[in-house]
């Protein structure tokens, strides 16, 4: 039997899925966590330095609100622009560029002398931060073995949470003695060091290269880094059996339309809705969690500790949740929000306000809100083909930023000012978690149908290949 053309074509999807977790996988994950760590650090610095900036610039409450919101607006725009560019030119160049921009803009923020300058710098900095996340998610989803993709995204976002948490101690270390300017100088310089390291260490996505028809000379060396035993002489071409080819060209409009092709017409809106509900709950907690607990009788110090610890523990819990449920489909990630609902209701209805259960109930509720958010983030890019994966994640992030802006805006008007209003805030958070559960459970049904269609297409393709003989 003669060798067929299909015998000389490697299915890169199967090649990557069949691998075990290798040192190269670990390298990609560590580098991505460092990227998001400094991303979270640079993004969160304004929250901790704002009291010092307020005193120096005599900012009004409105000006402080504008400065805080500037980065969110930038993220909304950046999430669309960066994700689209990453689908056109690759994940690596966008991550490198956004990291450099984030470093430079963070450093330059230390020179700000007016509220207007601060607003502009945070707005542009938000563009870089928003443009970075979806390509980082895509790079890891496309590299990881089967059953570890969503977990990898959650681990990457754990880096963001850790960076955000580190902003407080770094500010406390530098600002009292050297001024708030040096906080931005130091963190910007450290981020720039990372950008230099990434230039020599960050790889491109092999899946993206194959999906976009890049030459063998770029793909084969990457595959050898995953598996040193791979012999590139055995193959002349590469394909992805588990992905359909995107149609309609590479314009932003064409890629947007691809997000609603086939079963994605149902999956994409459900991802957006689930991410919106989850983001509203998490940003309401991060914006006013301390004020809520202060209104309910805790000291600011204790409320701050509870907010910080529940944020980190929730992110870690999300990683463990995904590691347990990823191979069984998305439905099981609803465990965190589903269990969190009764704890939020206990607070919202005032049942545990008095007595020893108050702190444990508040703590568990905060952890579960965070774990659910981490789990929802993990599925925002999983279901899209490599050619539009970053675009899919970028649009989901764009929708979530509406919640990031809406939560403090509505929360300050509806859920602050009295104990009754604060309790309403907890009830509203419980409703958000219920929205997550409903959306993800419905999404799971369509995701199962999408996977079945992909498996059928892959089987048909394999059958056609076997039928070609000479």
Protein backbone atom coordinates (compact mmCIF):
# COMPACT_ATOMS: atom_id res chain seq x y z
CA UNK A 1 0.00 0.00 0.00
CA UNK A 2 1.39 3.35 -0.99
CA UNK A 3 1.76 6.21 1.40
CA UNK A 4 -1.12 8.67 1.12
CA UNK A 5 -1.03 12.42 1.53
CA UNK A 6 -3.05 12.03 4.72
CA UNK A 7 -0.34 9.80 6.22
CA UNK A 8 2.00 12.79 5.94
CA UNK A 9 -0.43 15.12 7.77
CA UNK A 10 -0.24 15.40 11.56
CA UNK A 11 -3.39 16.06 13.55
CA UNK A 12 -1.98 18.67 15.95
CA UNK A 13 -5.19 18.65 17.98
CA UNK A 14 -4.78 14.95 18.80
CA UNK A 15 -1.03 15.39 19.28
CA UNK A 16 -1.55 18.05 21.96
CA UNK A 17 -4.54 16.42 23.62
CA UNK A 18 -2.78 13.09 24.04
CA UNK A 19 0.24 14.59 25.78
CA UNK A 20 0.73 14.45 29.51
CA UNK A 21 1.52 17.66 31.39
CA UNK A 22 5.11 18.37 30.34
CA UNK A 23 7.80 20.82 31.53
CA UNK A 24 6.94 22.99 28.53
CA UNK A 25 3.30 23.15 29.65
CA UNK A 26 4.52 24.19 33.09
CA UNK A 27 6.71 26.88 31.56
CA UNK A 28 3.80 28.36 29.59
CA UNK A 29 1.61 28.34 32.69
CA UNK A 30 4.24 29.97 34.92
CA UNK A 31 5.00 32.69 32.37
CA UNK A 32 1.28 33.39 31.93
CA UNK A 33 0.81 33.61 35.70
CA UNK A 34 3.68 36.12 35.89
CA UNK A 35 2.05 38.14 33.12
CA UNK A 36 -1.30 38.27 34.90
CA UNK A 37 0.37 38.83 38.31
CA UNK A 38 1.94 42.07 37.14
CA UNK A 39 -1.22 42.88 35.19
CA UNK A 40 -3.26 42.61 38.39
CA UNK A 41 -0.59 44.49 40.34
CA UNK A 42 -0.49 47.45 37.96
CA UNK A 43 -4.28 47.52 37.67
CA UNK A 44 -4.92 47.54 41.43
CA UNK A 45 -2.28 50.09 42.47
CA UNK A 46 -4.70 52.98 42.07
CA UNK A 47 -7.07 51.52 44.69
CA UNK A 48 -4.38 51.53 47.39
CA UNK A 49 -2.57 54.72 46.41
CA UNK A 50 -5.76 56.77 45.99
CA UNK A 51 -5.81 58.01 49.63
CA UNK A 52 -2.30 59.44 49.16
CA UNK A 53 -3.21 60.90 45.76
CA UNK A 54 -6.40 62.40 47.20
CA UNK A 55 -4.47 64.22 49.92
CA UNK A 56 -1.81 65.52 47.53
CA UNK A 57 -4.14 66.61 44.71
CA UNK A 58 -7.13 67.44 46.98
CA UNK A 59 -9.40 65.27 44.84
CA UNK A 60 -13.15 65.47 45.22
CA UNK A 61 -15.25 62.34 45.61
CA UNK A 62 -16.36 62.71 41.98
CA UNK A 63 -12.77 63.00 40.77
CA UNK A 64 -11.76 59.87 42.71
CA UNK A 65 -14.68 58.01 41.15
CA UNK A 66 -13.64 59.10 37.67
CA UNK A 67 -10.04 58.02 38.21
CA UNK A 68 -11.14 54.64 39.55
CA UNK A 69 -13.52 54.09 36.62
CA UNK A 70 -11.00 55.13 33.95
CA UNK A 71 -9.19 51.78 33.93
CA UNK A 72 -12.48 49.88 33.60
CA UNK A 73 -13.43 51.94 30.55
CA UNK A 74 -10.02 51.26 29.06
CA UNK A 75 -10.40 47.56 29.72
CA UNK A 76 -13.73 47.47 27.90
CA UNK A 77 -12.15 48.89 24.75
CA UNK A 78 -8.87 47.01 25.11
CA UNK A 79 -10.57 43.65 25.51
CA UNK A 80 -12.04 43.97 22.00
CA UNK A 81 -9.03 45.47 20.26
CA UNK A 82 -6.37 43.23 21.82
CA UNK A 83 -8.34 40.02 21.39
CA UNK A 84 -9.06 40.72 17.71
CA UNK A 85 -5.41 41.55 16.97
CA UNK A 86 -4.34 38.36 18.79
CA UNK A 87 -6.51 36.30 16.42
CA UNK A 88 -4.94 38.05 13.43
CA UNK A 89 -1.21 38.24 14.26
CA UNK A 90 -0.89 35.76 17.14
CA UNK A 91 -1.05 35.54 20.94
CA UNK A 92 2.65 36.18 21.62
CA UNK A 93 3.07 39.65 20.02
CA UNK A 94 -0.08 41.00 21.68
CA UNK A 95 0.96 39.73 25.12
CA UNK A 96 4.44 41.22 24.65
CA UNK A 97 3.13 44.58 23.44
CA UNK A 98 0.48 44.89 26.17
CA UNK A 99 3.00 43.99 28.88
CA UNK A 100 5.41 46.67 27.66
CA UNK A 101 2.63 49.25 27.44
CA UNK A 102 1.39 48.36 30.91
CA UNK A 103 4.91 48.73 32.30
CA UNK A 104 5.54 52.09 30.64
CA UNK A 105 2.15 53.55 31.53
CA UNK A 106 2.41 52.38 35.14
CA UNK A 107 5.84 54.00 35.43
CA UNK A 108 4.68 57.24 33.79
CA UNK A 109 1.67 57.41 36.11
CA UNK A 110 4.13 58.23 38.87
CA UNK A 111 4.73 61.59 37.15
CA UNK A 112 1.03 62.56 37.13
CA UNK A 113 0.41 65.99 38.65
CA UNK A 114 -3.27 66.58 37.92
CA UNK A 115 -6.50 64.53 38.10
CA UNK A 116 -6.88 64.89 34.32
CA UNK A 117 -3.45 63.44 33.64
CA UNK A 118 -4.15 60.61 36.08
CA UNK A 119 -7.45 59.84 34.34
CA UNK A 120 -5.84 59.69 30.89
CA UNK A 121 -2.97 57.48 32.02
CA UNK A 122 -5.27 55.03 33.81
CA UNK A 123 -7.59 54.95 30.80
CA UNK A 124 -4.75 54.07 28.41
CA UNK A 125 -3.31 51.64 30.95
CA UNK A 126 -6.70 49.90 31.04
CA UNK A 127 -6.44 49.40 27.27
CA UNK A 128 -3.24 47.40 27.74
CA UNK A 129 -4.62 45.37 30.66
CA UNK A 130 -7.87 44.58 28.85
CA UNK A 131 -6.08 43.63 25.65
CA UNK A 132 -3.81 41.15 27.40
CA UNK A 133 -6.15 38.76 29.21
CA UNK A 134 -7.98 37.06 26.32
CA UNK A 135 -4.73 36.25 24.43
CA UNK A 136 -3.24 34.86 27.65
CA UNK A 137 -6.31 32.67 28.17
CA UNK A 138 -6.15 31.50 24.55
CA UNK A 139 -2.45 30.64 24.69
CA UNK A 140 -3.04 28.29 27.63
CA UNK A 141 -6.27 26.75 26.36
CA UNK A 142 -4.58 25.93 23.06
CA UNK A 143 -1.48 24.43 24.69
CA UNK A 144 -2.85 22.30 27.51
CA UNK A 145 -3.70 18.58 27.29
CA UNK A 146 -7.31 17.46 27.22
CA UNK A 147 -9.08 17.92 30.54
CA UNK A 148 -6.76 20.68 31.77
CA UNK A 149 -7.72 23.69 29.66
CA UNK A 150 -10.29 25.40 31.87
CA UNK A 151 -8.21 24.67 34.96
CA UNK A 152 -5.23 26.35 33.30
CA UNK A 153 -7.26 29.53 32.69
CA UNK A 154 -8.28 29.57 36.35
CA UNK A 155 -4.65 29.17 37.43
CA UNK A 156 -3.67 32.04 35.12
CA UNK A 157 -6.32 34.26 36.70
CA UNK A 158 -5.07 33.22 40.13
CA UNK A 159 -1.94 35.13 39.14
CA UNK A 160 -4.08 38.22 38.54
CA UNK A 161 -5.71 37.85 41.97
CA UNK A 162 -2.32 37.43 43.64
CA UNK A 163 -0.99 40.53 41.89
CA UNK A 164 -4.02 42.55 42.93
CA UNK A 165 -3.56 41.39 46.53
CA UNK A 166 0.15 42.30 46.46
CA UNK A 167 -0.62 45.91 45.52
CA UNK A 168 -1.68 46.68 49.11
CA UNK A 169 1.50 45.51 50.90
CA UNK A 170 3.73 47.14 48.25
CA UNK A 171 1.90 50.44 48.73
CA UNK A 172 2.26 50.16 52.50
CA UNK A 173 5.97 49.48 52.08
CA UNK A 174 6.75 52.42 49.77
CA UNK A 175 4.10 55.14 49.98
CA UNK A 176 4.46 56.26 53.63
CA UNK A 177 8.21 56.92 53.36
CA UNK A 178 8.77 57.66 49.65
CA UNK A 179 5.38 58.84 48.40
CA UNK A 180 2.79 57.29 46.11
CA UNK A 181 4.84 58.20 43.01
CA UNK A 182 7.48 55.60 43.85
CA UNK A 183 4.88 52.84 44.08
CA UNK A 184 4.20 53.31 40.36
CA UNK A 185 7.88 53.76 39.53
CA UNK A 186 8.89 50.49 41.19
CA UNK A 187 5.98 48.39 39.88
CA UNK A 188 6.34 49.77 36.37
CA UNK A 189 10.06 48.96 36.36
CA UNK A 190 9.43 45.41 37.59
CA UNK A 191 6.80 44.87 34.88
CA UNK A 192 9.26 46.08 32.26
CA UNK A 193 11.81 43.52 33.47
CA UNK A 194 9.17 40.83 32.93
CA UNK A 195 8.52 42.16 29.41
CA UNK A 196 12.20 41.70 28.58
CA UNK A 197 12.17 38.15 29.97
CA UNK A 198 9.06 37.31 27.93
CA UNK A 199 10.77 38.44 24.74
CA UNK A 200 13.13 35.47 25.04
CA UNK A 201 10.87 32.89 26.70
CA UNK A 202 7.22 33.26 25.66
CA UNK A 203 6.16 30.88 22.84
CA UNK A 204 3.45 31.28 20.23
CA UNK A 205 0.39 29.01 20.18
CA UNK A 206 0.92 25.94 17.98
CA UNK A 207 -2.83 25.63 17.46
CA UNK A 208 -3.07 29.22 16.29
CA UNK A 209 -0.21 28.66 13.84
CA UNK A 210 -1.93 25.60 12.36
CA UNK A 211 -5.37 27.23 12.26
CA UNK A 212 -3.93 30.18 10.35
CA UNK A 213 -1.90 28.14 7.89
CA UNK A 214 1.54 29.18 9.08
CA UNK A 215 4.56 27.33 7.61
CA UNK A 216 5.94 24.07 8.95
CA UNK A 217 9.19 25.82 9.89
CA UNK A 218 7.34 27.69 12.64
CA UNK A 219 5.13 24.82 13.83
CA UNK A 220 7.54 21.86 14.03
CA UNK A 221 9.99 23.45 16.52
CA UNK A 222 7.07 24.22 18.87
CA UNK A 223 5.84 20.62 18.72
CA UNK A 224 9.33 19.38 19.61
CA UNK A 225 9.27 21.55 22.71
CA UNK A 226 6.13 19.74 23.82
CA UNK A 227 7.58 16.34 22.91
CA UNK A 228 11.36 16.17 22.22
CA UNK A 229 10.82 12.77 20.56
CA UNK A 230 8.67 14.27 17.80
CA UNK A 231 10.20 13.71 14.34
CA UNK A 232 9.19 16.52 11.99
CA UNK A 233 10.44 14.52 8.98
CA UNK A 234 7.41 12.26 9.27
CA UNK A 235 4.97 15.03 8.32
CA UNK A 236 4.64 17.57 5.57
CA UNK A 237 1.45 19.27 6.76
CA UNK A 238 -0.62 19.90 9.89
CA UNK A 239 -4.33 20.04 10.66
CA UNK A 240 -6.79 20.41 13.56
CA UNK A 241 -9.42 17.67 13.39
CA UNK A 242 -11.47 19.05 16.29
CA UNK A 243 -12.01 22.51 14.81
CA UNK A 244 -13.93 23.84 11.88
CA UNK A 245 -12.30 26.48 9.75
CA UNK A 246 -13.61 29.99 10.27
CA UNK A 247 -15.39 31.46 7.28
CA UNK A 248 -15.93 35.00 6.10
CA UNK A 249 -12.39 36.36 6.28
CA UNK A 250 -10.44 38.06 9.02
CA UNK A 251 -12.31 41.34 9.52
CA UNK A 252 -13.65 42.20 12.99
CA UNK A 253 -17.22 41.85 11.72
CA UNK A 254 -16.50 38.41 10.22
CA UNK A 255 -14.90 37.17 13.41
CA UNK A 256 -17.81 38.52 15.45
CA UNK A 257 -20.26 36.62 13.26
CA UNK A 258 -18.28 33.43 13.79
CA UNK A 259 -19.09 33.68 17.52
CA UNK A 260 -22.71 32.88 16.63
CA UNK A 261 -22.19 30.10 14.10
CA UNK A 262 -23.96 26.79 14.76
CA UNK A 263 -24.42 25.92 18.42
CA UNK A 264 -22.32 28.96 19.34
CA UNK A 265 -25.40 31.06 18.60
CA UNK A 266 -26.74 29.77 21.92
CA UNK A 267 -23.47 29.27 23.79
CA UNK A 268 -22.05 32.78 23.26
CA UNK A 269 -24.99 34.75 24.76
CA UNK A 270 -25.10 32.34 27.71
CA UNK A 271 -21.38 32.86 28.35
CA UNK A 272 -21.90 36.61 28.24
CA UNK A 273 -24.84 36.49 30.63
CA UNK A 274 -23.13 34.16 33.12
CA UNK A 275 -19.98 36.29 33.08
CA UNK A 276 -22.04 39.46 33.59
CA UNK A 277 -23.87 38.04 36.62
CA UNK A 278 -20.65 36.72 38.10
CA UNK A 279 -18.78 39.98 37.50
CA UNK A 280 -21.56 42.03 39.07
CA UNK A 281 -21.44 39.92 42.23
CA UNK A 282 -17.63 39.96 42.50
CA UNK A 283 -17.27 43.68 41.77
CA UNK A 284 -20.06 44.58 44.18
CA UNK A 285 -18.11 42.62 46.80
CA UNK A 286 -14.76 44.18 45.93
CA UNK A 287 -16.16 47.73 45.70
CA UNK A 288 -18.32 47.80 48.81
CA UNK A 289 -17.61 44.63 50.77
CA UNK A 290 -15.74 46.53 53.48
CA UNK A 291 -18.45 49.20 53.70
CA UNK A 292 -21.15 46.53 53.83
CA UNK A 293 -19.49 44.75 56.75
CA UNK A 294 -18.82 48.04 58.53
CA UNK A 295 -22.53 48.86 58.29
CA UNK A 296 -23.30 45.44 59.76
CA UNK A 297 -21.10 46.07 62.80
CA UNK A 298 -17.53 44.99 61.97
CA UNK A 299 -14.49 47.22 62.28
CA UNK A 300 -12.83 48.46 59.10
CA UNK A 301 -9.69 46.45 59.91
CA UNK A 302 -11.57 43.19 60.35
CA UNK A 303 -13.73 43.85 57.30
CA UNK A 304 -10.62 44.52 55.22
CA UNK A 305 -9.01 41.26 56.31
CA UNK A 306 -12.15 39.31 55.49
CA UNK A 307 -12.30 40.91 52.03
CA UNK A 308 -8.64 40.19 51.26
CA UNK A 309 -8.61 36.62 52.54
CA UNK A 310 -11.88 35.60 50.89
CA UNK A 311 -10.60 36.99 47.56
CA UNK A 312 -7.47 34.83 47.57
CA UNK A 313 -9.16 31.74 49.04
CA UNK A 314 -11.99 32.06 46.50
CA UNK A 315 -9.54 32.16 43.59
CA UNK A 316 -7.70 29.08 44.91
CA UNK A 317 -11.00 27.29 45.50
CA UNK A 318 -11.91 27.98 41.87
CA UNK A 319 -8.78 26.13 40.74
CA UNK A 320 -9.67 23.07 42.81
CA UNK A 321 -13.27 23.20 41.60
CA UNK A 322 -12.17 23.16 37.96
CA UNK A 323 -9.65 20.36 38.54
CA UNK A 324 -12.50 18.20 39.87
CA UNK A 325 -15.17 19.05 37.32
CA UNK A 326 -13.48 19.93 34.01
CA UNK A 327 -13.63 16.43 32.52
CA UNK A 328 -17.34 16.12 33.36
CA UNK A 329 -18.55 19.22 31.55
CA UNK A 330 -19.39 22.78 32.65
CA UNK A 331 -22.52 21.96 34.65
CA UNK A 332 -20.57 21.04 37.77
CA UNK A 333 -18.94 24.46 38.03
CA UNK A 334 -22.31 25.66 39.27
CA UNK A 335 -21.53 23.96 42.59
CA UNK A 336 -19.87 27.09 44.01
CA UNK A 337 -22.64 29.59 43.18
CA UNK A 338 -25.34 27.05 44.02
CA UNK A 339 -23.93 26.46 47.51
CA UNK A 340 -23.21 30.18 47.90
CA UNK A 341 -26.84 31.24 47.38
CA UNK A 342 -28.18 30.03 50.79
CA UNK A 343 -25.25 31.64 52.62
CA UNK A 344 -25.97 34.99 50.98
CA UNK A 345 -29.66 34.59 51.77
CA UNK A 346 -28.86 33.93 55.43
CA UNK A 347 -27.14 37.31 55.55
CA UNK A 348 -29.63 39.10 53.30
CA UNK A 349 -32.62 38.09 55.39
CA UNK A 350 -30.78 39.05 58.58
CA UNK A 351 -30.90 35.52 60.01
CA UNK A 352 -27.25 35.38 61.09
CA UNK A 353 -26.60 39.04 61.95
CA UNK A 354 -26.53 38.26 65.65
CA UNK A 355 -24.52 35.38 67.06
CA UNK A 356 -21.38 33.37 66.37
CA UNK A 357 -22.39 32.24 62.86
CA UNK A 358 -22.17 35.70 61.32
CA UNK A 359 -18.43 35.68 60.53
CA UNK A 360 -18.32 32.06 59.23
CA UNK A 361 -21.36 32.64 57.01
CA UNK A 362 -19.90 35.89 55.61
CA UNK A 363 -16.55 34.20 55.02
CA UNK A 364 -18.01 31.16 53.24
CA UNK A 365 -20.28 33.36 51.11
CA UNK A 366 -17.32 35.51 50.03
CA UNK A 367 -15.20 32.48 49.14
CA UNK A 368 -17.97 30.89 47.09
CA UNK A 369 -18.64 34.11 45.16
CA UNK A 370 -14.93 34.19 44.27
CA UNK A 371 -14.74 30.50 43.40
CA UNK A 372 -17.78 30.77 41.15
CA UNK A 373 -16.29 33.76 39.36
CA UNK A 374 -13.01 31.92 38.75
CA UNK A 375 -14.95 28.95 37.35
CA UNK A 376 -17.03 31.11 35.01
CA UNK A 377 -13.92 32.85 33.64
CA UNK A 378 -12.46 29.45 32.76
CA UNK A 379 -15.17 28.67 30.17
CA UNK A 380 -15.27 32.01 28.36
CA UNK A 381 -12.89 30.90 25.57
CA UNK A 382 -13.03 27.10 25.62
CA UNK A 383 -15.73 26.51 23.00
CA UNK A 384 -14.35 28.62 20.16
CA UNK A 385 -12.06 27.52 17.31
CA UNK A 386 -8.45 28.74 17.57
CA UNK A 387 -8.95 31.25 14.74
CA UNK A 388 -11.51 33.21 16.82
CA UNK A 389 -10.77 32.02 20.37
CA UNK A 390 -9.20 35.27 21.51
CA UNK A 391 -12.04 37.27 19.95
CA UNK A 392 -14.53 35.14 21.87
CA UNK A 393 -12.74 35.72 25.15
CA UNK A 394 -12.38 39.42 24.40
CA UNK A 395 -16.10 39.91 23.81
CA UNK A 396 -16.94 38.00 26.99
CA UNK A 397 -14.52 40.24 28.88
CA UNK A 398 -16.09 43.30 27.25
CA UNK A 399 -19.54 42.26 28.48
CA UNK A 400 -18.19 41.58 31.97
CA UNK A 401 -16.79 45.11 32.16
CA UNK A 402 -20.33 46.45 31.92
CA UNK A 403 -20.90 44.70 35.21
CA UNK A 404 -17.63 46.09 36.58
CA UNK A 405 -18.94 49.61 35.93
CA UNK A 406 -22.58 48.88 36.82
CA UNK A 407 -21.81 47.25 40.18
CA UNK A 408 -20.23 50.31 41.87
CA UNK A 409 -22.64 52.69 40.11
CA UNK A 410 -25.82 50.89 41.14
CA UNK A 411 -24.37 49.64 44.42
CA UNK A 412 -23.59 53.15 45.65
CA UNK A 413 -27.17 54.21 44.95
CA UNK A 414 -29.14 51.15 45.99
CA UNK A 415 -27.15 49.25 48.60
CA UNK A 416 -25.36 51.85 50.75
CA UNK A 417 -26.58 54.09 53.55
CA UNK A 418 -28.38 51.78 55.95
CA UNK A 419 -28.41 48.23 57.25
CA UNK A 420 -31.57 47.47 55.26
CA UNK A 421 -29.95 48.59 52.00
CA UNK A 422 -26.84 46.52 52.73
CA UNK A 423 -28.97 43.44 53.30
CA UNK A 424 -30.65 44.11 49.96
CA UNK A 425 -27.17 44.06 48.42
CA UNK A 426 -26.60 40.53 49.71
CA UNK A 427 -30.00 39.44 48.39
CA UNK A 428 -29.15 40.92 44.99
CA UNK A 429 -25.83 39.06 45.01
CA UNK A 430 -27.74 35.83 45.67
CA UNK A 431 -29.91 36.60 42.64
CA UNK A 432 -26.75 37.08 40.55
CA UNK A 433 -25.48 33.66 41.64
CA UNK A 434 -28.83 32.16 40.67
CA UNK A 435 -28.41 33.73 37.24
CA UNK A 436 -25.00 32.06 36.90
CA UNK A 437 -26.47 28.66 37.77
CA UNK A 438 -29.31 28.96 35.26
CA UNK A 439 -27.08 30.19 32.42
CA UNK A 440 -24.37 27.56 32.92
CA UNK A 441 -26.82 24.67 33.22
CA UNK A 442 -28.47 25.66 29.93
CA UNK A 443 -25.05 26.25 28.36
CA UNK A 444 -23.99 22.73 29.36
CA UNK A 445 -26.73 21.25 27.18
CA UNK A 446 -25.65 23.16 24.09
CA UNK A 447 -21.98 22.50 24.83
CA UNK A 448 -22.71 18.76 24.83
CA UNK A 449 -24.31 19.07 21.39
CA UNK A 450 -21.37 21.11 20.12
CA UNK A 451 -18.90 18.46 21.31
CA UNK A 452 -20.99 15.71 19.69
CA UNK A 453 -20.93 17.53 16.35
CA UNK A 454 -17.17 18.08 16.63
CA UNK A 455 -16.62 14.39 17.39
CA UNK A 456 -18.77 13.38 14.42
CA UNK A 457 -16.85 15.71 12.09
CA UNK A 458 -13.52 14.37 13.35
CA UNK A 459 -14.69 10.77 12.85
CA UNK A 460 -15.90 11.55 9.34
CA UNK A 461 -12.58 13.18 8.51
CA UNK A 462 -10.67 10.15 9.81
CA UNK A 463 -12.90 7.81 7.80
CA UNK A 464 -12.25 9.74 4.60
CA UNK A 465 -8.50 9.59 5.26
CA UNK A 466 -8.57 5.81 5.66
CA UNK A 467 -10.53 5.45 2.45
CA UNK A 468 -7.78 7.12 0.42
CA UNK A 469 -5.52 4.27 -0.74
CA UNK A 470 -3.37 3.62 -3.72
